[in-house]
Amino acid sequence: FNALKGALRQDPDMMLVGEIRDKETV
């Protein structure tokens, strides 16, 4: 969750999440 949230501020075009485990990550 922390990494995905932080990635929004890191100018990504595409993000890969190894595993969506919970509703926060979803």
PDB file of all heavy atoms in Angstrom:
ATOM      1  N   PHE A   1       0.832  -1.209   0.000  1.00  0.00           N
ATOM      2  CA  PHE A   1       0.000   0.000   0.000  1.00  0.00           C
ATOM      3  C   PHE A   1       0.862   1.254   0.000  1.00  0.00           C
ATOM      4  O   PHE A   1       0.631   2.185  -0.767  1.00  0.00           O
ATOM      5  CB  PHE A   1      -0.935  -0.015   1.210  1.00  0.00           C
ATOM      6  CG  PHE A   1      -1.761   1.224   1.358  1.00  0.00           C
ATOM      7  CD1 PHE A   1      -2.880   1.426   0.565  1.00  0.00           C
ATOM      8  CD2 PHE A   1      -1.418   2.205   2.276  1.00  0.00           C
ATOM      9  CE1 PHE A   1      -3.646   2.582   0.686  1.00  0.00           C
ATOM     10  CE2 PHE A   1      -2.162   3.353   2.407  1.00  0.00           C
ATOM     11  CZ  PHE A   1      -3.285   3.538   1.604  1.00  0.00           C
ATOM     12  N   ASN A   2       1.875   1.285   0.873  1.00  0.00           N
ATOM     13  CA  ASN A   2       2.743   2.466   0.950  1.00  0.00           C
ATOM     14  C   ASN A   2       3.464   2.723  -0.361  1.00  0.00           C
ATOM     15  O   ASN A   2       3.568   3.866  -0.827  1.00  0.00           O
ATOM     16  CB  ASN A   2       3.779   2.285   2.065  1.00  0.00           C
ATOM     17  CG  ASN A   2       3.145   2.309   3.448  1.00  0.00           C
ATOM     18  OD1 ASN A   2       2.004   2.744   3.601  1.00  0.00           O
ATOM     19  ND2 ASN A   2       3.868   1.842   4.451  1.00  0.00           N
ATOM     20  N   ALA A   3       3.985   1.645  -0.962  1.00  0.00           N
ATOM     21  CA  ALA A   3       4.746   1.800  -2.205  1.00  0.00           C
ATOM     22  C   ALA A   3       3.844   2.257  -3.350  1.00  0.00           C
ATOM     23  O   ALA A   3       4.233   3.103  -4.153  1.00  0.00           O
ATOM     24  CB  ALA A   3       5.422   0.478  -2.566  1.00  0.00           C
ATOM     25  N   LEU A   4       2.631   1.701  -3.405  1.00  0.00           N
ATOM     26  CA  LEU A   4       1.713   2.073  -4.481  1.00  0.00           C
ATOM     27  C   LEU A   4       1.239   3.509  -4.313  1.00  0.00           C
ATOM     28  O   LEU A   4       1.150   4.273  -5.285  1.00  0.00           O
ATOM     29  CB  LEU A   4       0.526   1.107  -4.501  1.00  0.00           C
ATOM     30  CG  LEU A   4      -0.447   1.195  -5.687  1.00  0.00           C
ATOM     31  CD1 LEU A   4       0.302   1.090  -7.004  1.00  0.00           C
ATOM     32  CD2 LEU A   4      -1.499   0.105  -5.593  1.00  0.00           C
ATOM     33  N   LYS A   5       0.984   3.895  -3.063  1.00  0.00           N
ATOM     34  CA  LYS A   5       0.574   5.274  -2.794  1.00  0.00           C
ATOM     35  C   LYS A   5       1.708   6.241  -3.142  1.00  0.00           C
ATOM     36  O   LYS A   5       1.492   7.287  -3.769  1.00  0.00           O
ATOM     37  CB  LYS A   5       0.186   5.412  -1.329  1.00  0.00           C
ATOM     38  CG  LYS A   5      -0.357   6.783  -0.944  1.00  0.00           C
ATOM     39  CD  LYS A   5      -0.760   6.789   0.534  1.00  0.00           C
ATOM     40  CE  LYS A   5      -1.270   8.167   0.952  1.00  0.00           C
ATOM     41  NZ  LYS A   5      -1.629   8.194   2.386  1.00  0.00           N
ATOM     42  N   GLY A   6       2.931   5.887  -2.760  1.00  0.00           N
ATOM     43  CA  GLY A   6       4.074   6.731  -3.070  1.00  0.00           C
ATOM     44  C   GLY A   6       4.350   6.814  -4.559  1.00  0.00           C
ATOM     45  O   GLY A   6       4.804   7.851  -5.066  1.00  0.00           O
ATOM     46  N   ALA A   7       4.067   5.724  -5.290  1.00  0.00           N
ATOM     47  CA  ALA A   7       4.337   5.699  -6.733  1.00  0.00           C
ATOM     48  C   ALA A   7       3.537   6.763  -7.477  1.00  0.00           C
ATOM     49  O   ALA A   7       3.963   7.249  -8.531  1.00  0.00           O
ATOM     50  CB  ALA A   7       4.020   4.316  -7.297  1.00  0.00           C
ATOM     51  N   LEU A   8       2.389   7.157  -6.935  1.00  0.00           N
ATOM     52  CA  LEU A   8       1.574   8.178  -7.593  1.00  0.00           C
ATOM     53  C   LEU A   8       2.312   9.516  -7.683  1.00  0.00           C
ATOM     54  O   LEU A   8       2.007  10.341  -8.549  1.00  0.00           O
ATOM     55  CB  LEU A   8       0.257   8.377  -6.830  1.00  0.00           C
ATOM     56  CG  LEU A   8      -0.731   7.201  -6.866  1.00  0.00           C
ATOM     57  CD1 LEU A   8      -1.909   7.469  -5.950  1.00  0.00           C
ATOM     58  CD2 LEU A   8      -1.204   6.955  -8.287  1.00  0.00           C
ATOM     59  N   ARG A   9       3.310   9.721  -6.810  1.00  0.00           N
ATOM     60  CA  ARG A   9       4.072  10.967  -6.819  1.00  0.00           C
ATOM     61  C   ARG A   9       5.421  10.817  -7.524  1.00  0.00           C
ATOM     62  O   ARG A   9       6.264  11.698  -7.437  1.00  0.00           O
ATOM     63  CB  ARG A   9       4.294  11.442  -5.371  1.00  0.00           C
ATOM     64  CG  ARG A   9       3.014  11.727  -4.610  1.00  0.00           C
ATOM     65  CD  ARG A   9       3.293  12.364  -3.254  1.00  0.00           C
ATOM     66  NE  ARG A   9       3.965  11.440  -2.352  1.00  0.00           N
ATOM     67  CZ  ARG A   9       3.351  10.585  -1.541  1.00  0.00           C
ATOM     68  NH1 ARG A   9       2.013  10.533  -1.539  1.00  0.00           N
ATOM     69  NH2 ARG A   9       4.022   9.798  -0.740  1.00  0.00           N
ATOM     70  N   GLN A  10       5.627   9.668  -8.187  1.00  0.00           N
ATOM     71  CA  GLN A  10       6.928   9.386  -8.794  1.00  0.00           C
ATOM     72  C   GLN A  10       6.863   9.356 -10.323  1.00  0.00           C
ATOM     73  O   GLN A  10       7.672   8.705 -10.981  1.00  0.00           O
ATOM     74  CB  GLN A  10       7.472   8.064  -8.224  1.00  0.00           C
ATOM     75  CG  GLN A  10       7.838   8.194  -6.745  1.00  0.00           C
ATOM     76  CD  GLN A  10       7.728   6.887  -5.969  1.00  0.00           C
ATOM     77  OE1 GLN A  10       7.600   5.805  -6.545  1.00  0.00           O
ATOM     78  NE2 GLN A  10       7.782   6.992  -4.642  1.00  0.00           N
ATOM     79  N   ASP A  11       5.892  10.059 -10.883  1.00  0.00           N
ATOM     80  CA  ASP A  11       5.760  10.229 -12.328  1.00  0.00           C
ATOM     81  C   ASP A  11       5.762   8.899 -13.088  1.00  0.00           C
ATOM     82  O   ASP A  11       6.510   8.711 -14.031  1.00  0.00           O
ATOM     83  CB  ASP A  11       6.890  11.136 -12.846  1.00  0.00           C
ATOM     84  CG  ASP A  11       6.705  11.498 -14.318  1.00  0.00           C
ATOM     85  OD1 ASP A  11       5.546  11.611 -14.756  1.00  0.00           O
ATOM     86  OD2 ASP A  11       7.727  11.636 -15.028  1.00  0.00           O
ATOM     87  N   PRO A  12       4.893   7.929 -12.678  1.00  0.00           N
ATOM     88  CA  PRO A  12       4.863   6.658 -13.385  1.00  0.00           C
ATOM     89  C   PRO A  12       3.912   6.708 -14.580  1.00  0.00           C
ATOM     90  O   PRO A  12       2.959   7.489 -14.610  1.00  0.00           O
ATOM     91  CB  PRO A  12       4.331   5.695 -12.333  1.00  0.00           C
ATOM     92  CG  PRO A  12       3.365   6.544 -11.569  1.00  0.00           C
ATOM     93  CD  PRO A  12       3.952   7.947 -11.552  1.00  0.00           C
ATOM     94  N   ASP A  13       4.167   5.897 -15.562  1.00  0.00           N
ATOM     95  CA  ASP A  13       3.195   5.634 -16.631  1.00  0.00           C
ATOM     96  C   ASP A  13       2.464   4.337 -16.354  1.00  0.00           C
ATOM     97  O   ASP A  13       1.301   4.177 -16.715  1.00  0.00           O
ATOM     98  CB  ASP A  13       3.901   5.551 -17.989  1.00  0.00           C
ATOM     99  CG  ASP A  13       4.554   6.856 -18.377  1.00  0.00           C
ATOM    100  OD1 ASP A  13       3.819   7.794 -18.708  1.00  0.00           O
ATOM    101  OD2 ASP A  13       5.797   6.945 -18.333  1.00  0.00           O
ATOM    102  N   MET A  14       3.169   3.393 -15.758  1.00  0.00           N
ATOM    103  CA  MET A  14       2.575   2.098 -15.476  1.00  0.00           C
ATOM    104  C   MET A  14       3.117   1.567 -14.150  1.00  0.00           C
ATOM    105  O   MET A  14       4.293   1.732 -13.841  1.00  0.00           O
ATOM    106  CB  MET A  14       2.904   1.121 -16.614  1.00  0.00           C
ATOM    107  CG  MET A  14       2.226  -0.232 -16.476  1.00  0.00           C
ATOM    108  SD  MET A  14       3.359  -1.437 -15.817  1.00  0.00           S
ATOM    109  CE  MET A  14       2.452  -2.931 -16.107  1.00  0.00           C
ATOM    110  N   MET A  15       2.243   0.960 -13.346  1.00  0.00           N
ATOM    111  CA  MET A  15       2.621   0.367 -12.070  1.00  0.00           C
ATOM    112  C   MET A  15       2.195  -1.087 -12.041  1.00  0.00           C
ATOM    113  O   MET A  15       1.081  -1.412 -12.440  1.00  0.00           O
ATOM    114  CB  MET A  15       1.960   1.117 -10.908  1.00  0.00           C
ATOM    115  CG  MET A  15       2.514   2.509 -10.681  1.00  0.00           C
ATOM    116  SD  MET A  15       1.509   3.460  -9.513  1.00  0.00           S
ATOM    117  CE  MET A  15       0.222   4.057 -10.600  1.00  0.00           C
ATOM    118  N   LEU A  16       3.099  -1.943 -11.570  1.00  0.00           N
ATOM    119  CA  LEU A  16       2.771  -3.360 -11.410  1.00  0.00           C
ATOM    120  C   LEU A  16       2.750  -3.691  -9.928  1.00  0.00           C
ATOM    121  O   LEU A  16       3.718  -3.425  -9.212  1.00  0.00           O
ATOM    122  CB  LEU A  16       3.795  -4.239 -12.132  1.00  0.00           C
ATOM    123  CG  LEU A  16       3.526  -5.749 -12.064  1.00  0.00           C
ATOM    124  CD1 LEU A  16       3.906  -6.428 -13.372  1.00  0.00           C
ATOM    125  CD2 LEU A  16       4.291  -6.412 -10.915  1.00  0.00           C
ATOM    126  N   VAL A  17       1.635  -4.247  -9.463  1.00  0.00           N
ATOM    127  CA  VAL A  17       1.496  -4.675  -8.077  1.00  0.00           C
ATOM    128  C   VAL A  17       1.561  -6.194  -8.073  1.00  0.00           C
ATOM    129  O   VAL A  17       0.707  -6.865  -8.661  1.00  0.00           O
ATOM    130  CB  VAL A  17       0.163  -4.205  -7.470  1.00  0.00           C
ATOM    131  CG1 VAL A  17       0.122  -4.540  -5.983  1.00  0.00           C
ATOM    132  CG2 VAL A  17      -0.029  -2.720  -7.689  1.00  0.00           C
ATOM    133  N   GLY A  18       2.608  -6.755  -7.418  1.00  0.00           N
ATOM    134  CA  GLY A  18       2.809  -8.196  -7.453  1.00  0.00           C
ATOM    135  C   GLY A  18       1.598  -8.976  -6.994  1.00  0.00           C
ATOM    136  O   GLY A  18       1.290 -10.036  -7.530  1.00  0.00           O
ATOM    137  N   GLU A  19       0.901  -8.474  -5.991  1.00  0.00           N
ATOM    138  CA  GLU A  19      -0.296  -9.171  -5.504  1.00  0.00           C
ATOM    139  C   GLU A  19      -1.228  -8.186  -4.829  1.00  0.00           C
ATOM    140  O   GLU A  19      -0.802  -7.437  -3.956  1.00  0.00           O
ATOM    141  CB  GLU A  19       0.090 -10.282  -4.518  1.00  0.00           C
ATOM    142  CG  GLU A  19      -1.080 -11.135  -4.081  1.00  0.00           C
ATOM    143  CD  GLU A  19      -0.674 -12.236  -3.120  1.00  0.00           C
ATOM    144  OE1 GLU A  19       0.531 -12.495  -2.990  1.00  0.00           O
ATOM    145  OE2 GLU A  19      -1.575 -12.826  -2.495  1.00  0.00           O
ATOM    146  N   ILE A  20      -2.487  -8.185  -5.264  1.00  0.00           N
ATOM    147  CA  ILE A  20      -3.511  -7.349  -4.623  1.00  0.00           C
ATOM    148  C   ILE A  20      -4.147  -8.186  -3.520  1.00  0.00           C
ATOM    149  O   ILE A  20      -4.871  -9.146  -3.789  1.00  0.00           O
ATOM    150  CB  ILE A  20      -4.546  -6.874  -5.652  1.00  0.00           C
ATOM    151  CG1 ILE A  20      -3.879  -5.942  -6.670  1.00  0.00           C
ATOM    152  CG2 ILE A  20      -5.699  -6.169  -4.961  1.00  0.00           C
ATOM    153  CD1 ILE A  20      -4.781  -5.483  -7.789  1.00  0.00           C
ATOM    154  N   ARG A  21      -3.857  -7.821  -2.265  1.00  0.00           N
ATOM    155  CA  ARG A  21      -4.214  -8.681  -1.142  1.00  0.00           C
ATOM    156  C   ARG A  21      -5.400  -8.189  -0.324  1.00  0.00           C
ATOM    157  O   ARG A  21      -6.045  -8.974   0.359  1.00  0.00           O
ATOM    158  CB  ARG A  21      -3.008  -8.816  -0.195  1.00  0.00           C
ATOM    159  CG  ARG A  21      -1.784  -9.405  -0.851  1.00  0.00           C
ATOM    160  CD  ARG A  21      -0.617  -9.423   0.106  1.00  0.00           C
ATOM    161  NE  ARG A  21       0.540 -10.108  -0.444  1.00  0.00           N
ATOM    162  CZ  ARG A  21       1.707 -10.224   0.154  1.00  0.00           C
ATOM    163  NH1 ARG A  21       1.869  -9.677   1.350  1.00  0.00           N
ATOM    164  NH2 ARG A  21       2.710 -10.858  -0.400  1.00  0.00           N
ATOM    165  N   ASP A  22      -5.661  -6.891  -0.332  1.00  0.00           N
ATOM    166  CA  ASP A  22      -6.682  -6.370   0.576  1.00  0.00           C
ATOM    167  C   ASP A  22      -7.370  -5.173  -0.061  1.00  0.00           C
ATOM    168  O   ASP A  22      -6.979  -4.702  -1.129  1.00  0.00           O
ATOM    169  CB  ASP A  22      -6.060  -5.968   1.915  1.00  0.00           C
ATOM    170  CG  ASP A  22      -4.815  -5.105   1.734  1.00  0.00           C
ATOM    171  OD1 ASP A  22      -4.867  -4.150   0.933  1.00  0.00           O
ATOM    172  OD2 ASP A  22      -3.786  -5.394   2.374  1.00  0.00           O
ATOM    173  N   LYS A  23      -8.389  -4.677   0.614  1.00  0.00           N
ATOM    174  CA  LYS A  23      -9.185  -3.607   0.021  1.00  0.00           C
ATOM    175  C   LYS A  23      -8.418  -2.294  -0.040  1.00  0.00           C
ATOM    176  O   LYS A  23      -8.691  -1.469  -0.909  1.00  0.00           O
ATOM    177  CB  LYS A  23     -10.513  -3.445   0.765  1.00  0.00           C
ATOM    178  CG  LYS A  23     -10.459  -2.720   2.082  1.00  0.00           C
ATOM    179  CD  LYS A  23     -11.894  -2.533   2.574  1.00  0.00           C
ATOM    180  CE  LYS A  23     -11.978  -1.498   3.678  1.00  0.00           C
ATOM    181  NZ  LYS A  23     -13.369  -1.247   4.076  1.00  0.00           N
ATOM    182  N   GLU A  24      -7.441  -2.091   0.875  1.00  0.00           N
ATOM    183  CA  GLU A  24      -6.642  -0.865   0.806  1.00  0.00           C
ATOM    184  C   GLU A  24      -5.822  -0.827  -0.484  1.00  0.00           C
ATOM    185  O   GLU A  24      -5.735   0.209  -1.151  1.00  0.00           O
ATOM    186  CB  GLU A  24      -5.715  -0.760   2.029  1.00  0.00           C
ATOM    187  CG  GLU A  24      -6.412  -0.428   3.331  1.00  0.00           C
ATOM    188  CD  GLU A  24      -7.130  -1.620   3.938  1.00  0.00           C
ATOM    189  OE1 GLU A  24      -6.843  -2.769   3.514  1.00  0.00           O
ATOM    190  OE2 GLU A  24      -7.987  -1.407   4.831  1.00  0.00           O
ATOM    191  N   THR A  25      -5.216  -1.973  -0.829  1.00  0.00           N
ATOM    192  CA  THR A  25      -4.427  -2.044  -2.062  1.00  0.00           C
ATOM    193  C   THR A  25      -5.323  -1.911  -3.283  1.00  0.00           C
ATOM    194  O   THR A  25      -4.976  -1.228  -4.253  1.00  0.00           O
ATOM    195  CB  THR A  25      -3.646  -3.369  -2.118  1.00  0.00           C
ATOM    196  OG1 THR A  25      -2.900  -3.537  -0.913  1.00  0.00           O
ATOM    197  CG2 THR A  25      -2.676  -3.375  -3.294  1.00  0.00           C
ATOM    198  N   VAL A  26      -6.500  -2.554  -3.244  1.00  0.00           N
ATOM    199  CA  VAL A  26      -7.454  -2.408  -4.349  1.00  0.00           C
ATOM    200  C   VAL A  26      -7.849  -0.940  -4.503  1.00  0.00           C
ATOM    201  O   VAL A  26      -7.893  -0.397  -5.617  1.00  0.00           O
ATOM    202  CB  VAL A  26      -8.718  -3.265  -4.115  1.00  0.00           C
ATOM    203  CG1 VAL A  26      -9.788  -2.936  -5.152  1.00  0.00           C
ATOM    204  CG2 VAL A  26      -8.383  -4.740  -4.188  1.00  0.00           C
TER     205      VAL A  26
END
